[in-house]
Amino acid sequence: MTATSVWVPEDIAGEQLAIRPSTLRCMRRERRIRPGQDWIYSTGGKKSSVLYNVPNIIQLQAERTIAISRLEDEHRQGEAQANRLAIETYDSPNSITPTEAQS
């Protein structure tokens, strides 16, 4: 493996991504990272070690982060709109207050 190789072993990928190797294995098992794009078997066989494409994983995580943030923003906007609609007003804008009526 050369120094400029995109595919790196689990321990190095974990360091570069700032996550534990066990988290990488979990992500792989749950298919949160894509086989063939984000990880591969080093010899093509199931019993071989796994190599990870860190730039692809970073890009995938960035895309998911953006999608999650947009959903959160939409949810917050919906809640804010619901709160605005739930506000009750008791005085009509053109009404006279009791103090104004006495003068």
Protein backbone atom coordinates (compact mmCIF):
# COMPACT_ATOMS: atom_id res chain seq x y z
CA MET A 1 0.00 0.00 0.00
CA THR A 2 1.39 3.37 -0.96
CA ALA A 3 1.30 6.49 1.16
CA THR A 4 -1.32 8.02 -1.17
CA SER A 5 -3.61 4.99 -1.14
CA VAL A 6 -7.30 5.79 -0.66
CA TRP A 7 -8.00 2.41 0.95
CA VAL A 8 -6.72 2.16 4.52
CA PRO A 9 -7.01 -0.49 7.25
CA GLU A 10 -9.58 -0.23 10.02
CA ASP A 11 -7.32 1.21 12.70
CA ILE A 12 -6.04 4.01 10.46
CA ALA A 13 -9.53 4.76 9.14
CA GLY A 14 -10.77 4.98 12.72
CA GLU A 15 -8.04 7.47 13.60
CA GLN A 16 -8.70 9.59 10.50
CA LEU A 17 -12.46 9.62 11.13
CA ALA A 18 -12.07 10.11 14.91
CA ILE A 19 -14.21 7.04 15.66
CA ARG A 20 -13.41 3.65 17.16
CA PRO A 21 -12.77 0.66 14.93
CA SER A 22 -15.72 -1.07 16.60
CA THR A 23 -17.94 1.79 15.39
CA LEU A 24 -16.65 1.28 11.86
CA ARG A 25 -17.48 -2.43 12.09
CA CYS A 26 -20.97 -1.59 13.36
CA MET A 27 -21.50 0.92 10.55
CA ARG A 28 -20.38 -1.71 8.05
CA ARG A 29 -22.64 -4.40 9.54
CA GLU A 30 -25.67 -2.08 9.57
CA ARG A 31 -24.85 -0.92 6.01
CA ARG A 32 -24.56 2.70 7.06
CA ILE A 33 -21.46 2.69 4.89
CA ARG A 34 -21.64 1.20 1.41
CA PRO A 35 -19.82 -1.99 0.38
CA GLY A 36 -17.57 -1.50 -2.61
CA GLN A 37 -17.63 2.28 -2.26
CA ASP A 38 -16.78 2.93 1.38
CA TRP A 39 -15.24 -0.40 2.32
CA ILE A 40 -13.89 -3.51 0.62
CA TYR A 41 -12.44 -6.89 1.55
CA SER A 42 -8.70 -6.54 0.96
CA THR A 43 -8.43 -9.80 -1.02
CA GLY A 44 -12.02 -9.92 -2.21
CA GLY A 45 -12.84 -12.78 0.17
CA LYS A 46 -15.17 -12.59 3.15
CA LYS A 47 -12.52 -13.80 5.60
CA SER A 48 -9.97 -11.14 4.59
CA SER A 49 -9.29 -7.87 6.33
CA VAL A 50 -11.35 -4.83 5.48
CA LEU A 51 -10.10 -1.60 3.94
CA TYR A 52 -11.94 1.70 4.13
CA ASN A 53 -12.16 4.66 1.77
CA VAL A 54 -12.00 7.53 4.25
CA PRO A 55 -12.74 10.40 1.79
CA ASN A 56 -15.89 8.57 0.62
CA ILE A 57 -17.03 7.99 4.19
CA ILE A 58 -16.45 11.64 5.06
CA GLN A 59 -18.47 12.71 2.01
CA LEU A 60 -21.28 10.29 2.90
CA GLN A 61 -21.37 11.52 6.51
CA ALA A 62 -21.41 15.15 5.31
CA GLU A 63 -24.37 14.43 3.00
CA ARG A 64 -26.25 12.69 5.80
CA THR A 65 -25.48 15.53 8.22
CA ILE A 66 -26.91 18.05 5.76
CA ALA A 67 -30.04 15.94 5.25
CA ILE A 68 -30.57 15.52 8.99
CA SER A 69 -30.06 19.25 9.58
CA ARG A 70 -32.62 20.13 6.92
CA LEU A 71 -35.17 17.80 8.50
CA GLU A 72 -34.52 19.35 11.91
CA ASP A 73 -34.94 22.83 10.44
CA GLU A 74 -38.24 21.87 8.81
CA HIS A 75 -39.46 20.34 12.07
CA ARG A 76 -38.51 23.47 14.04
CA GLN A 77 -40.21 25.72 11.49
CA GLY A 78 -43.36 23.60 11.74
CA GLU A 79 -43.31 23.81 15.52
CA ALA A 80 -42.77 27.57 15.40
CA GLN A 81 -45.69 27.98 13.00
CA ALA A 82 -47.91 25.81 15.21
CA ASN A 83 -46.92 27.91 18.24
CA ARG A 84 -47.72 31.14 16.39
CA LEU A 85 -51.14 29.79 15.42
CA ALA A 86 -51.83 28.66 18.98
CA ILE A 87 -51.37 32.15 20.44
CA GLU A 88 -54.70 33.55 21.55
CA THR A 89 -55.46 37.23 21.47
CA TYR A 90 -58.22 38.71 23.58
CA ASP A 91 -58.37 42.29 22.35
CA SER A 92 -59.25 43.16 18.83
CA PRO A 93 -56.79 45.65 17.34
CA ASN A 94 -59.40 48.44 17.05
CA SER A 95 -60.92 48.11 20.51
CA ILE A 96 -60.81 50.78 23.17
CA THR A 97 -59.31 49.94 26.54
CA PRO A 98 -61.23 50.80 29.72
CA THR A 99 -58.79 53.62 30.46
CA GLU A 100 -59.32 55.13 27.03
CA ALA A 101 -63.10 54.90 27.45
CA GLN A 102 -63.06 56.97 30.67
CA SER A 103 -61.24 59.88 29.07
